N, C-alpha and C. Protein backbone atom coordinates (compact mmCIF):
# COMPACT_ATOMS: atom_id res chain seq x y z
N ASP A 1 -14.07 107.15 161.95
CA ASP A 1 -12.76 107.41 161.39
C ASP A 1 -12.93 108.37 160.22
N ASN A 2 -12.52 109.58 160.38
CA ASN A 2 -12.73 110.62 159.37
C ASN A 2 -11.53 110.84 158.46
N ARG A 3 -10.76 109.80 158.22
CA ARG A 3 -9.67 109.95 157.25
C ARG A 3 -10.26 110.13 155.86
N ARG A 4 -9.55 110.86 155.02
CA ARG A 4 -10.04 111.17 153.68
C ARG A 4 -10.42 109.91 152.90
N CYS A 5 -9.67 108.83 153.05
CA CYS A 5 -9.96 107.60 152.31
C CYS A 5 -11.27 106.94 152.77
N ASN A 6 -11.77 107.29 153.96
CA ASN A 6 -13.01 106.71 154.47
C ASN A 6 -14.24 107.57 154.20
N LEU A 7 -14.06 108.77 153.70
CA LEU A 7 -15.18 109.68 153.46
C LEU A 7 -15.80 109.42 152.10
N ARG A 8 -17.06 109.79 151.95
CA ARG A 8 -17.75 109.65 150.67
C ARG A 8 -18.44 110.95 150.33
N VAL A 9 -18.62 111.20 149.07
CA VAL A 9 -19.31 112.40 148.61
C VAL A 9 -20.81 112.15 148.73
N ALA A 10 -21.51 113.06 149.40
CA ALA A 10 -22.94 112.91 149.58
C ALA A 10 -23.58 114.28 149.71
N THR A 11 -24.83 114.38 149.27
CA THR A 11 -25.58 115.62 149.43
C THR A 11 -26.10 115.70 150.86
N ILE A 12 -26.61 116.85 151.25
CA ILE A 12 -27.19 117.01 152.59
C ILE A 12 -28.36 116.06 152.76
N SER A 13 -29.17 115.91 151.72
CA SER A 13 -30.32 115.01 151.77
C SER A 13 -29.87 113.57 152.02
N GLN A 14 -28.80 113.14 151.35
CA GLN A 14 -28.29 111.79 151.54
C GLN A 14 -27.73 111.60 152.95
N GLN A 15 -27.10 112.62 153.48
CA GLN A 15 -26.58 112.54 154.83
C GLN A 15 -27.70 112.46 155.86
N MET A 16 -28.81 113.15 155.61
CA MET A 16 -29.95 113.11 156.54
C MET A 16 -30.59 111.73 156.57
N MET A 17 -30.49 110.97 155.48
CA MET A 17 -31.00 109.60 155.46
C MET A 17 -30.22 108.72 156.42
N ASN A 18 -29.05 109.16 156.78
CA ASN A 18 -28.13 108.39 157.57
C ASN A 18 -28.33 108.59 159.07
N ARG A 19 -29.34 109.34 159.47
CA ARG A 19 -29.56 109.65 160.88
C ARG A 19 -30.13 108.47 161.64
N ARG A 20 -29.80 108.42 162.91
CA ARG A 20 -30.37 107.41 163.80
C ARG A 20 -31.67 107.92 164.38
N LYS A 21 -32.45 107.01 164.94
CA LYS A 21 -33.70 107.36 165.58
C LYS A 21 -33.43 107.75 167.03
N PHE A 22 -33.93 108.91 167.46
CA PHE A 22 -33.73 109.39 168.82
C PHE A 22 -35.08 109.76 169.43
N GLY A 23 -35.11 109.88 170.73
CA GLY A 23 -36.31 110.38 171.41
C GLY A 23 -37.26 109.29 171.85
N ALA A 24 -38.34 109.72 172.45
CA ALA A 24 -39.35 108.79 172.95
C ALA A 24 -40.38 108.52 171.86
N HIS A 25 -40.39 107.32 171.37
CA HIS A 25 -41.32 106.92 170.33
C HIS A 25 -42.08 105.68 170.79
N THR A 26 -43.10 105.32 170.08
CA THR A 26 -43.91 104.19 170.48
C THR A 26 -43.36 102.87 169.96
N SER A 27 -42.29 102.91 169.19
CA SER A 27 -41.64 101.71 168.71
C SER A 27 -40.14 101.87 168.86
N ARG A 28 -39.46 100.77 169.02
CA ARG A 28 -38.00 100.86 169.13
C ARG A 28 -37.33 100.82 167.77
N TYR A 29 -38.11 100.70 166.70
CA TYR A 29 -37.56 100.61 165.36
C TYR A 29 -37.78 101.90 164.57
N LYS A 30 -36.83 102.20 163.71
CA LYS A 30 -36.92 103.38 162.86
C LYS A 30 -38.01 103.15 161.82
N GLY A 31 -38.82 104.18 161.58
CA GLY A 31 -39.86 104.12 160.56
C GLY A 31 -41.12 103.41 160.99
N VAL A 32 -41.24 103.10 162.29
CA VAL A 32 -42.38 102.34 162.79
C VAL A 32 -42.98 103.06 163.99
N TYR A 33 -44.32 103.10 164.05
CA TYR A 33 -45.00 103.63 165.23
C TYR A 33 -46.27 102.83 165.45
N TYR A 34 -46.75 102.86 166.68
CA TYR A 34 -47.98 102.14 167.03
C TYR A 34 -49.16 103.07 166.90
N ASP A 35 -50.16 102.66 166.14
CA ASP A 35 -51.37 103.44 165.98
C ASP A 35 -52.46 102.81 166.84
N SER A 36 -52.78 103.45 167.94
CA SER A 36 -53.75 102.88 168.88
C SER A 36 -55.18 102.87 168.33
N ARG A 37 -55.45 103.70 167.32
CA ARG A 37 -56.80 103.70 166.73
C ARG A 37 -57.12 102.40 166.01
N ILE A 38 -56.10 101.80 165.40
CA ILE A 38 -56.31 100.54 164.67
C ILE A 38 -55.62 99.36 165.36
N SER A 39 -54.92 99.63 166.47
CA SER A 39 -54.21 98.62 167.25
C SER A 39 -53.20 97.84 166.41
N LYS A 40 -52.45 98.58 165.59
CA LYS A 40 -51.42 97.96 164.75
C LYS A 40 -50.20 98.86 164.67
N TYR A 41 -49.10 98.27 164.25
CA TYR A 41 -47.87 99.02 164.00
C TYR A 41 -47.88 99.48 162.55
N VAL A 42 -47.56 100.74 162.35
CA VAL A 42 -47.58 101.34 161.02
C VAL A 42 -46.14 101.64 160.61
N ALA A 43 -45.81 101.25 159.37
CA ALA A 43 -44.49 101.54 158.82
C ALA A 43 -44.64 102.66 157.80
N SER A 44 -43.72 103.63 157.87
CA SER A 44 -43.72 104.73 156.91
C SER A 44 -42.28 105.18 156.71
N ILE A 45 -42.05 105.83 155.58
CA ILE A 45 -40.71 106.31 155.25
C ILE A 45 -40.84 107.71 154.69
N LYS A 46 -39.88 108.55 154.99
CA LYS A 46 -39.92 109.93 154.52
C LYS A 46 -39.08 110.06 153.26
N LEU A 47 -39.72 110.49 152.17
CA LEU A 47 -39.06 110.67 150.89
C LEU A 47 -39.39 112.05 150.35
N ASN A 48 -38.37 112.81 150.01
CA ASN A 48 -38.56 114.16 149.48
C ASN A 48 -39.50 115.00 150.34
N ARG A 49 -39.25 114.96 151.65
CA ARG A 49 -40.02 115.71 152.65
C ARG A 49 -41.48 115.28 152.76
N ARG A 50 -41.82 114.14 152.22
CA ARG A 50 -43.19 113.61 152.31
C ARG A 50 -43.14 112.22 152.94
N CYS A 51 -44.15 111.94 153.73
CA CYS A 51 -44.23 110.67 154.41
C CYS A 51 -44.99 109.67 153.53
N LYS A 52 -44.36 108.53 153.23
CA LYS A 52 -44.99 107.50 152.40
C LYS A 52 -45.42 106.34 153.30
N TYR A 53 -46.68 106.00 153.25
CA TYR A 53 -47.26 104.93 154.05
C TYR A 53 -46.84 103.58 153.45
N LEU A 54 -46.31 102.69 154.29
CA LEU A 54 -45.86 101.38 153.82
C LEU A 54 -46.80 100.25 154.24
N GLY A 55 -47.67 100.51 155.19
CA GLY A 55 -48.62 99.49 155.60
C GLY A 55 -48.78 99.41 157.11
N ALA A 56 -49.82 98.68 157.53
CA ALA A 56 -50.10 98.44 158.95
C ALA A 56 -49.87 96.96 159.22
N PHE A 57 -49.22 96.66 160.34
CA PHE A 57 -48.82 95.30 160.64
C PHE A 57 -49.17 94.96 162.08
N ALA A 58 -49.51 93.69 162.32
CA ALA A 58 -49.83 93.24 163.67
C ALA A 58 -48.56 93.11 164.50
N ASP A 59 -47.43 92.87 163.85
CA ASP A 59 -46.17 92.66 164.55
C ASP A 59 -45.21 93.82 164.27
N GLU A 60 -44.55 94.28 165.32
CA GLU A 60 -43.61 95.40 165.22
C GLU A 60 -42.42 95.08 164.32
N LYS A 61 -41.93 93.85 164.39
CA LYS A 61 -40.77 93.45 163.58
C LYS A 61 -41.12 93.38 162.09
N LEU A 62 -42.33 92.96 161.76
CA LEU A 62 -42.75 92.93 160.35
C LEU A 62 -42.80 94.34 159.78
N ALA A 63 -43.28 95.28 160.57
CA ALA A 63 -43.31 96.68 160.13
C ALA A 63 -41.90 97.21 159.95
N ALA A 64 -40.99 96.84 160.84
CA ALA A 64 -39.59 97.27 160.73
C ALA A 64 -38.94 96.69 159.47
N ARG A 65 -39.26 95.46 159.15
CA ARG A 65 -38.70 94.84 157.93
C ARG A 65 -39.28 95.50 156.67
N ALA A 66 -40.52 95.93 156.71
CA ALA A 66 -41.10 96.67 155.58
C ALA A 66 -40.37 98.00 155.39
N TYR A 67 -40.07 98.68 156.50
CA TYR A 67 -39.29 99.92 156.42
C TYR A 67 -37.91 99.64 155.82
N ASP A 68 -37.25 98.57 156.29
CA ASP A 68 -35.92 98.24 155.80
C ASP A 68 -35.92 98.02 154.29
N ALA A 69 -36.92 97.30 153.78
CA ALA A 69 -37.00 97.04 152.34
C ALA A 69 -37.13 98.35 151.56
N ALA A 70 -37.97 99.24 152.04
CA ALA A 70 -38.16 100.53 151.37
C ALA A 70 -36.90 101.39 151.47
N ALA A 71 -36.23 101.38 152.61
CA ALA A 71 -35.01 102.17 152.79
C ALA A 71 -33.91 101.68 151.87
N ARG A 72 -33.77 100.36 151.74
CA ARG A 72 -32.75 99.82 150.83
C ARG A 72 -33.04 100.21 149.39
N THR A 73 -34.31 100.20 149.02
CA THR A 73 -34.69 100.56 147.65
C THR A 73 -34.44 102.03 147.36
N HIS A 74 -34.83 102.91 148.27
CA HIS A 74 -34.76 104.35 148.01
C HIS A 74 -33.42 104.99 148.38
N PHE A 75 -32.79 104.53 149.47
CA PHE A 75 -31.59 105.21 149.96
C PHE A 75 -30.29 104.50 149.59
N LYS A 76 -30.39 103.28 149.06
CA LYS A 76 -29.22 102.49 148.63
C LYS A 76 -28.17 102.38 149.74
N GLU A 77 -26.93 102.77 149.47
CA GLU A 77 -25.86 102.59 150.46
C GLU A 77 -25.95 103.56 151.63
N PHE A 78 -26.83 104.56 151.55
CA PHE A 78 -27.00 105.53 152.64
C PHE A 78 -28.05 105.08 153.66
N ALA A 79 -28.69 103.98 153.41
CA ALA A 79 -29.79 103.52 154.28
C ALA A 79 -29.27 103.08 155.65
N ARG A 80 -29.98 103.48 156.68
CA ARG A 80 -29.79 102.95 158.03
C ARG A 80 -31.00 102.08 158.31
N VAL A 81 -30.78 100.81 158.45
CA VAL A 81 -31.89 99.86 158.58
C VAL A 81 -31.96 99.28 159.98
N ASN A 82 -33.09 98.71 160.30
CA ASN A 82 -33.32 98.13 161.62
C ASN A 82 -32.63 96.78 161.78
N PHE A 83 -32.58 96.01 160.71
CA PHE A 83 -31.96 94.69 160.72
C PHE A 83 -30.87 94.68 159.64
N PRO A 84 -29.67 95.19 159.99
CA PRO A 84 -28.63 95.35 158.97
C PRO A 84 -28.03 94.02 158.53
N GLU A 85 -27.72 93.96 157.24
CA GLU A 85 -26.95 92.86 156.68
C GLU A 85 -25.48 93.28 156.76
N PRO A 86 -24.55 92.37 156.54
CA PRO A 86 -23.13 92.74 156.63
C PRO A 86 -22.80 93.94 155.73
N GLY A 87 -22.15 94.92 156.33
CA GLY A 87 -21.75 96.12 155.59
C GLY A 87 -22.76 97.26 155.65
N GLU A 88 -23.92 97.05 156.25
CA GLU A 88 -24.94 98.09 156.34
C GLU A 88 -24.90 98.77 157.70
N GLN A 89 -25.44 99.99 157.76
CA GLN A 89 -25.50 100.76 159.00
C GLN A 89 -26.78 100.42 159.76
N CYS A 90 -26.67 100.34 161.08
CA CYS A 90 -27.82 100.04 161.92
C CYS A 90 -28.51 101.35 162.34
N ALA A 91 -29.83 101.37 162.30
CA ALA A 91 -30.60 102.55 162.67
C ALA A 91 -30.80 102.68 164.17
N LEU A 92 -30.63 101.61 164.89
CA LEU A 92 -30.93 101.61 166.30
C LEU A 92 -29.77 102.17 167.11
N VAL A 93 -30.10 102.98 168.10
CA VAL A 93 -29.08 103.56 168.98
C VAL A 93 -28.49 102.46 169.85
N ASN A 94 -29.33 101.61 170.36
CA ASN A 94 -28.90 100.50 171.22
C ASN A 94 -29.11 99.20 170.44
N THR A 95 -28.05 98.65 169.85
CA THR A 95 -28.18 97.49 168.98
C THR A 95 -28.43 96.20 169.75
N ARG A 96 -28.39 96.23 171.07
CA ARG A 96 -28.63 95.01 171.85
C ARG A 96 -30.09 94.61 171.83
N ILE A 97 -31.01 95.45 171.39
CA ILE A 97 -32.43 95.11 171.43
C ILE A 97 -32.86 94.30 170.21
N LEU A 98 -31.95 94.04 169.27
CA LEU A 98 -32.29 93.21 168.13
C LEU A 98 -32.52 91.82 168.63
């Protein structure tokens, strides 16, 4: 709904934080990928055009929750998270996989 009352002022950088995850990836969660060299899921977040390592996890969902915590901290209301709380945007294209 693009009515003026529903729009918010945001920079291009803030709008880019709002993107969904697309394409063929090794994880269904945003900010998570599987590293076959260490046989773990790695969580990372992109800040100021740099990738910040958040940790390696045995479980894909734990890595996704680590990404969510970092996204909430850095992106505030612009964050798209994997496990949204009420009022937050979901990062997943297909929300049925939660």
